[in-house]
Protein backbone atom coordinates (compact mmCIF):
# COMPACT_ATOMS: atom_id res chain seq x y z
CA MET A 1 29.75 -14.95 5.38
CA THR A 2 30.20 -15.18 9.09
CA GLY A 3 28.89 -11.94 10.61
CA VAL A 4 26.65 -8.91 10.40
CA ARG A 5 26.96 -7.09 7.12
CA THR A 6 26.82 -3.35 6.40
CA TYR A 7 25.23 -2.41 3.07
CA ALA A 8 26.37 0.77 1.35
CA LEU A 9 23.64 0.90 -1.31
CA PRO A 10 24.24 3.15 -4.35
CA GLN A 11 21.08 5.04 -5.22
CA SER A 12 20.83 3.26 -8.63
CA VAL A 13 21.01 -0.19 -7.01
CA MET A 14 18.48 0.68 -4.31
CA TRP A 15 16.01 2.11 -6.87
CA ALA A 16 16.41 -0.88 -9.22
CA ALA A 17 15.71 -3.30 -6.34
CA VAL A 18 12.64 -1.57 -4.93
CA THR A 19 11.01 -0.73 -8.23
CA GLY A 20 11.28 -4.34 -9.38
CA LYS A 21 10.18 -5.93 -6.11
CA GLY A 22 7.74 -8.25 -7.91
CA SER A 23 5.35 -10.26 -5.71
CA THR A 24 7.06 -9.39 -2.39
CA LYS A 25 4.50 -7.54 -0.22
CA VAL A 26 5.69 -4.80 2.04
CA SER A 27 3.86 -3.61 5.14
CA VAL A 28 4.91 -0.38 6.93
CA CYS A 29 3.77 -0.44 10.56
CA ILE A 30 4.05 2.57 12.82
CA PRO A 31 3.58 2.16 16.59
CA CYS A 32 1.99 5.24 18.06
CA ARG A 33 0.95 6.63 21.42
CA ASN A 34 0.10 10.32 21.55
CA GLU A 35 1.98 11.18 18.38
CA ALA A 36 -0.59 13.55 16.81
CA ALA A 37 2.08 16.26 16.41
CA THR A 38 4.30 14.12 14.14
CA ILE A 39 2.40 11.19 12.64
CA GLY A 40 0.61 13.19 9.90
CA PRO A 41 3.67 14.18 7.81
CA ILE A 42 5.10 10.65 8.11
CA VAL A 43 1.95 9.05 6.77
CA THR A 44 1.52 11.65 4.06
CA GLN A 45 5.06 11.05 2.71
CA ILE A 46 4.63 7.31 2.64
CA VAL A 47 1.30 7.46 0.87
CA SER A 48 2.45 9.98 -1.79
CA ALA A 49 5.98 8.69 -2.42
CA LEU A 50 5.76 4.94 -1.79
CA MET A 51 2.17 3.86 -2.48
CA SER A 52 1.36 5.54 -5.77
CA GLY A 53 2.72 5.63 -9.34
CA ASN A 54 3.65 2.78 -11.62
CA ALA A 55 5.79 0.84 -9.21
CA PRO A 56 4.57 1.29 -5.59
CA ILE A 57 6.84 -0.08 -2.95
CA VAL A 58 4.52 -0.20 0.03
CA ASP A 59 1.44 -2.44 -0.13
CA GLU A 60 -0.11 -1.44 3.18
CA LEU A 61 0.39 1.29 5.73
CA LEU A 62 -0.82 0.59 9.22
CA VAL A 63 -0.73 2.84 12.29
CA PHE A 64 -1.13 0.98 15.58
CA ASP A 65 -2.71 3.24 18.20
CA ASP A 66 -1.70 2.15 21.70
CA GLY A 67 -4.28 3.92 23.80
CA SER A 68 -3.61 7.50 22.63
CA THR A 69 -5.47 10.28 24.41
CA ASP A 70 -4.77 12.85 21.69
CA ALA A 71 -5.78 12.99 18.02
CA THR A 72 -3.23 10.45 16.85
CA ALA A 73 -5.80 8.04 15.29
CA SER A 74 -7.78 10.75 13.47
CA VAL A 75 -4.69 12.52 12.14
CA ALA A 76 -3.17 9.26 10.80
CA ALA A 77 -6.46 8.20 9.22
CA ALA A 78 -6.94 11.61 7.56
CA ALA A 79 -3.44 11.37 6.15
CA GLY A 80 -4.17 7.97 4.52
CA ALA A 81 -3.16 5.23 6.99
CA ARG A 82 -5.29 2.40 8.23
CA VAL A 83 -5.50 2.77 11.94
CA ILE A 84 -5.74 -0.23 14.23
CA ARG A 85 -6.25 -0.26 17.98
CA VAL A 86 -3.66 -2.52 19.53
CA SER A 87 -6.16 -3.88 22.08
CA ASP A 88 -8.28 -5.24 19.15
CA VAL A 89 -5.55 -7.50 17.82
CA LEU A 90 -5.55 -11.19 18.88
CA ALA A 91 -7.70 -10.53 21.96
CA GLU A 92 -7.78 -14.31 22.40
CA ALA A 93 -4.12 -14.17 23.45
CA GLY A 94 -4.90 -11.94 26.46
CA PRO A 95 -3.80 -8.34 27.21
CA GLY A 96 -0.29 -6.96 26.90
CA SER A 97 1.40 -3.60 27.18
CA GLY A 98 4.46 -1.70 26.04
CA LYS A 99 6.14 -1.01 22.73
CA GLY A 100 6.99 -4.69 22.16
CA ASN A 101 3.37 -5.62 22.51
CA VAL A 102 2.57 -3.13 19.80
CA LEU A 103 5.15 -4.57 17.43
CA TRP A 104 3.92 -8.08 18.13
CA ALA A 105 0.36 -6.95 17.34
CA SER A 106 1.56 -5.31 14.11
CA VAL A 107 2.95 -8.63 12.80
CA ALA A 108 -0.33 -10.32 13.73
CA ALA A 109 -2.50 -7.74 11.95
CA SER A 110 -0.41 -6.97 8.85
CA GLN A 111 -0.16 -8.99 5.65
CA GLY A 112 3.28 -8.21 4.18
CA ASP A 113 6.12 -10.64 3.53
CA VAL A 114 8.48 -7.87 4.73
CA ILE A 115 7.47 -5.75 7.72
CA VAL A 116 9.00 -2.26 8.06
CA TRP A 117 8.83 -0.42 11.37
CA CYS A 118 9.25 3.29 11.81
CA ASP A 119 8.71 5.25 15.05
CA GLY A 120 5.77 7.71 15.09
CA ASP A 121 7.70 10.55 16.75
CA LEU A 122 10.24 11.02 13.91
CA LEU A 123 11.00 14.58 12.90
CA SER A 124 13.40 13.62 10.10
CA PHE A 125 11.44 10.98 8.21
CA ILE A 126 12.06 10.74 4.49
CA PRO A 127 10.74 7.98 2.04
CA ASP A 128 14.29 6.78 1.53
CA TYR A 129 14.21 5.29 5.05
CA VAL A 130 11.74 2.73 3.72
CA ARG A 131 13.49 2.22 0.47
CA ARG A 132 16.83 1.56 2.09
CA LEU A 133 15.32 -0.83 4.63
CA VAL A 134 13.49 -2.84 1.95
CA ALA A 135 16.14 -3.07 -0.73
CA PRO A 136 18.38 -5.71 0.95
CA PHE A 137 15.52 -8.24 1.07
CA LEU A 138 15.00 -7.84 -2.65
CA LEU A 139 18.69 -8.17 -3.44
CA ASP A 140 19.45 -11.15 -1.21
CA PRO A 141 16.95 -13.90 -0.20
CA GLU A 142 19.11 -14.84 2.81
CA VAL A 143 18.55 -11.52 4.55
CA ALA A 144 16.22 -11.90 7.53
CA LEU A 145 16.59 -8.57 9.40
CA VAL A 146 17.72 -5.08 8.30
CA LYS A 147 18.65 -2.54 10.92
CA GLY A 148 18.97 1.16 10.17
CA TYR A 149 21.85 3.24 11.52
CA TYR A 150 22.08 6.99 11.45
CA GLU A 151 23.53 10.20 12.87
CA ARG A 152 21.66 11.61 15.85
CA LEU A 153 21.44 15.40 16.09
CA LEU A 154 21.26 17.45 19.25
CA ASP A 155 17.82 18.86 20.07
CA ALA A 156 17.07 22.54 20.63
CA SER A 157 18.32 22.34 24.23
CA GLY A 158 21.53 20.69 23.25
CA GLU A 159 20.49 17.23 24.41
CA GLY A 160 21.58 14.16 22.46
CA GLY A 161 20.02 10.75 22.08
CA GLY A 162 21.37 7.24 22.13
CA ARG A 163 22.41 7.07 25.78
CA ASN A 164 21.03 3.60 26.38
CA THR A 165 22.53 2.48 23.09
CA GLU A 166 26.03 3.49 24.14
CA LEU A 167 25.84 2.83 27.90
CA VAL A 168 23.79 -0.37 27.99
CA ALA A 169 23.04 -2.10 24.66
CA ARG A 170 26.33 -1.99 22.77
CA PRO A 171 28.61 -2.79 25.78
CA LEU A 172 26.43 -5.81 26.76
CA LEU A 173 26.30 -7.03 23.18
CA ALA A 174 30.09 -6.87 23.01
CA LEU A 175 30.37 -8.85 26.24
CA LEU A 176 27.54 -11.39 25.84
CA PHE A 177 26.86 -11.58 22.08
CA PRO A 178 30.09 -10.47 20.36
CA GLU A 179 28.87 -11.69 16.96
CA LEU A 180 26.36 -8.73 17.09
CA ALA A 181 28.79 -6.10 18.42
CA ALA A 182 29.07 -4.49 14.96
CA ILE A 183 25.42 -3.34 15.07
CA LEU A 184 25.60 0.46 15.44
CA GLN A 185 22.01 1.10 16.44
CA PRO A 186 20.67 -2.03 18.10
CA LEU A 187 17.83 -0.15 19.73
CA GLY A 188 16.78 1.99 16.74
CA GLY A 189 13.12 1.94 15.81
CA GLU A 190 13.65 1.93 12.05
CA TYR A 191 14.16 -1.60 10.87
CA ALA A 192 12.56 -4.39 8.92
CA ALA A 193 12.28 -8.18 8.95
CA ARG A 194 10.75 -11.10 7.11
CA ARG A 195 7.41 -12.25 8.45
CA SER A 196 8.58 -15.89 8.20
CA VAL A 197 11.24 -15.16 10.86
CA LEU A 198 9.19 -12.85 13.06
CA GLU A 199 6.46 -15.47 13.46
CA GLN A 200 8.97 -17.78 15.18
CA VAL A 201 10.26 -15.58 17.91
CA PRO A 202 8.87 -14.10 21.19
CA PHE A 203 8.54 -10.33 21.60
CA ALA A 204 9.62 -8.62 24.87
CA GLU A 205 6.63 -6.44 25.78
CA GLY A 206 8.65 -3.36 26.82
CA TYR A 207 11.70 -1.65 25.48
CA GLY A 208 13.67 -4.87 25.37
CA VAL A 209 11.91 -5.79 22.17
CA GLU A 210 14.53 -4.49 19.71
CA ILE A 211 17.46 -6.11 21.42
CA GLY A 212 15.50 -9.35 21.91
CA LEU A 213 14.57 -9.54 18.29
CA LEU A 214 18.11 -8.89 17.24
CA ILE A 215 19.45 -11.74 19.34
CA ASP A 216 16.65 -14.17 18.49
CA VAL A 217 16.83 -13.63 14.72
CA ALA A 218 20.59 -14.19 14.90
CA ALA A 219 20.02 -17.43 16.76
CA ILE A 220 17.52 -18.66 14.20
CA ALA A 221 18.98 -17.47 10.91
CA GLY A 222 22.60 -16.62 11.83
CA PRO A 223 24.35 -13.27 12.26
CA GLU A 224 25.11 -13.24 8.52
CA SER A 225 21.36 -12.84 7.90
CA ILE A 226 21.42 -9.47 9.51
CA VAL A 227 22.24 -6.36 7.51
CA GLN A 228 22.57 -2.72 8.58
CA VAL A 229 22.02 0.24 6.24
CA ASP A 230 22.75 3.94 6.55
CA LEU A 231 19.61 6.08 6.91
CA GLY A 232 21.45 9.38 7.17
CA VAL A 233 20.11 11.61 9.98
CA ARG A 234 17.46 10.74 12.52
CA ARG A 235 15.70 13.37 14.68
CA HIS A 236 13.09 12.61 17.31
CA ARG A 237 12.24 13.60 20.84
CA HIS A 238 14.74 12.75 23.58
CA ARG A 239 13.53 11.17 26.80
CA PRO A 240 14.47 12.30 30.34
CA LEU A 241 16.80 10.21 32.46
CA PRO A 242 14.11 8.58 34.71
CA GLU A 243 12.43 7.16 31.61
CA LEU A 244 15.73 6.00 30.22
CA SER A 245 16.61 4.06 33.37
CA ALA A 246 13.40 2.05 33.09
CA GLN A 247 14.14 1.36 29.46
CA ALA A 248 17.68 0.26 30.45
CA GLY A 249 16.25 -2.19 32.93
CA GLU A 250 13.92 -3.72 30.32
CA ILE A 251 16.77 -3.95 27.80
CA MET A 252 19.10 -5.67 30.31
CA HIS A 253 16.37 -8.11 31.34
CA ALA A 254 15.73 -9.16 27.66
CA MET A 255 19.44 -9.69 27.12
CA LEU A 256 20.07 -11.63 30.35
CA ARG A 257 17.04 -13.80 29.56
CA ARG A 258 18.62 -14.71 26.26
CA VAL A 259 21.98 -15.52 27.85
CA GLY A 260 20.10 -18.36 29.52
CA LEU A 261 19.68 -17.29 33.14
CA SER A 262 17.19 -19.56 34.86
CA ALA A 263 13.71 -18.29 35.65
CA ASP A 264 14.44 -18.16 39.37
CA ARG A 265 17.31 -15.72 38.74
CA LEU A 266 15.17 -13.33 36.66
CA PRO A 267 12.00 -12.06 38.46
CA PRO A 268 8.71 -12.15 36.51
CA MET A 269 8.19 -8.53 37.65
CA ALA A 270 10.55 -5.74 38.58
CA SER A 271 10.36 -2.06 39.52
CA LEU A 272 12.53 0.97 40.12
CA ALA A 273 12.08 2.96 43.30
CA ARG A 274 11.45 6.67 42.84
CA LEU A 275 11.82 9.34 45.48
CA ASP A 276 9.18 11.73 44.19
CA HIS A 277 6.41 9.34 43.03
CA ALA A 278 5.34 5.73 42.81
CA ASP A 279 7.80 3.07 41.84
CA GLN A 280 8.16 2.56 38.12
CA VAL A 281 7.26 -0.91 36.94
CA LEU A 282 9.50 -2.55 34.30
CA ARG A 283 7.81 -4.40 31.46
CA VAL A 284 9.69 -7.71 31.42
CA SER A 285 6.95 -10.08 30.18
CA GLU A 286 7.13 -11.46 26.68
CA ARG A 287 4.56 -12.23 24.00
CA PRO A 288 4.84 -15.78 22.68
CA PRO A 289 5.79 -16.62 19.07
CA LEU A 290 2.76 -16.03 16.81
CA LEU A 291 3.08 -19.52 15.34
CA SER A 292 2.15 -20.84 18.80
CA ILE A 293 -1.22 -19.03 18.75
CA ALA A 294 -4.02 -20.92 17.00
CA ALA A 295 -6.04 -17.80 16.22
CA TYR A 296 -3.11 -16.38 14.26
CA VAL A 297 -2.23 -19.60 12.46
CA ASN A 298 -5.89 -20.17 11.50
CA ARG A 299 -6.68 -16.62 10.37
């Protein structure tokens, strides 16, 4: 095996794997900020389909509230999730911000051997997302990271998603990390990884986190430890272009950092000028590997 693998899992094989998972503990972690409109049905489906019955798949379900100003926390808790404020996790390590900071905190606060992430704004979530992401770990002990890929549908206004995937992430992977060029959705929010690997790598605080984890896991465990699985269809909200340009900058920074550009070539802070409002700051800081933090190691 020399490269990324794509698993086409028959339903019977997937079910056999996840129902016989044995002692492997699975944590589902959902990063959220103002997702009250969508988080409830996601949590309800996970609790009813994956945490009950004779062979539950999910051992813990955690929603990480990143400063929501709506009812995200109360809706998630009422549906059956344990809600954790991101700012309460490893306060000893200092403050952070951005999606990557939330994912880093979710590793620190969860208990599972396998951590599954799903975005909190999904409109198309089904329990098979989790089953398909978990099954490869149970079938192959060498698997370190499982990425979901899917079809993106147009929204009500005819807008499509995946612009940064096709215009930034995949072209740069093909140029700089060709061993990962086969990954169809490198920026997708539905994926899973082994805790033992996640503890060893830094987390880009902003939207560079997914691409950074992909590159770092490949460096530690090899591209052959990465698997991608078909999740079918994914629907979520699409972001406007000004937000996407900031995301693109954070993604490119994370990739260039991993190419090995020296610190003096990559600024510790960056921003995008805006004509109609204040400049938009890019989150380019990184959280350190959790195994380097005594409070985590000694917990």
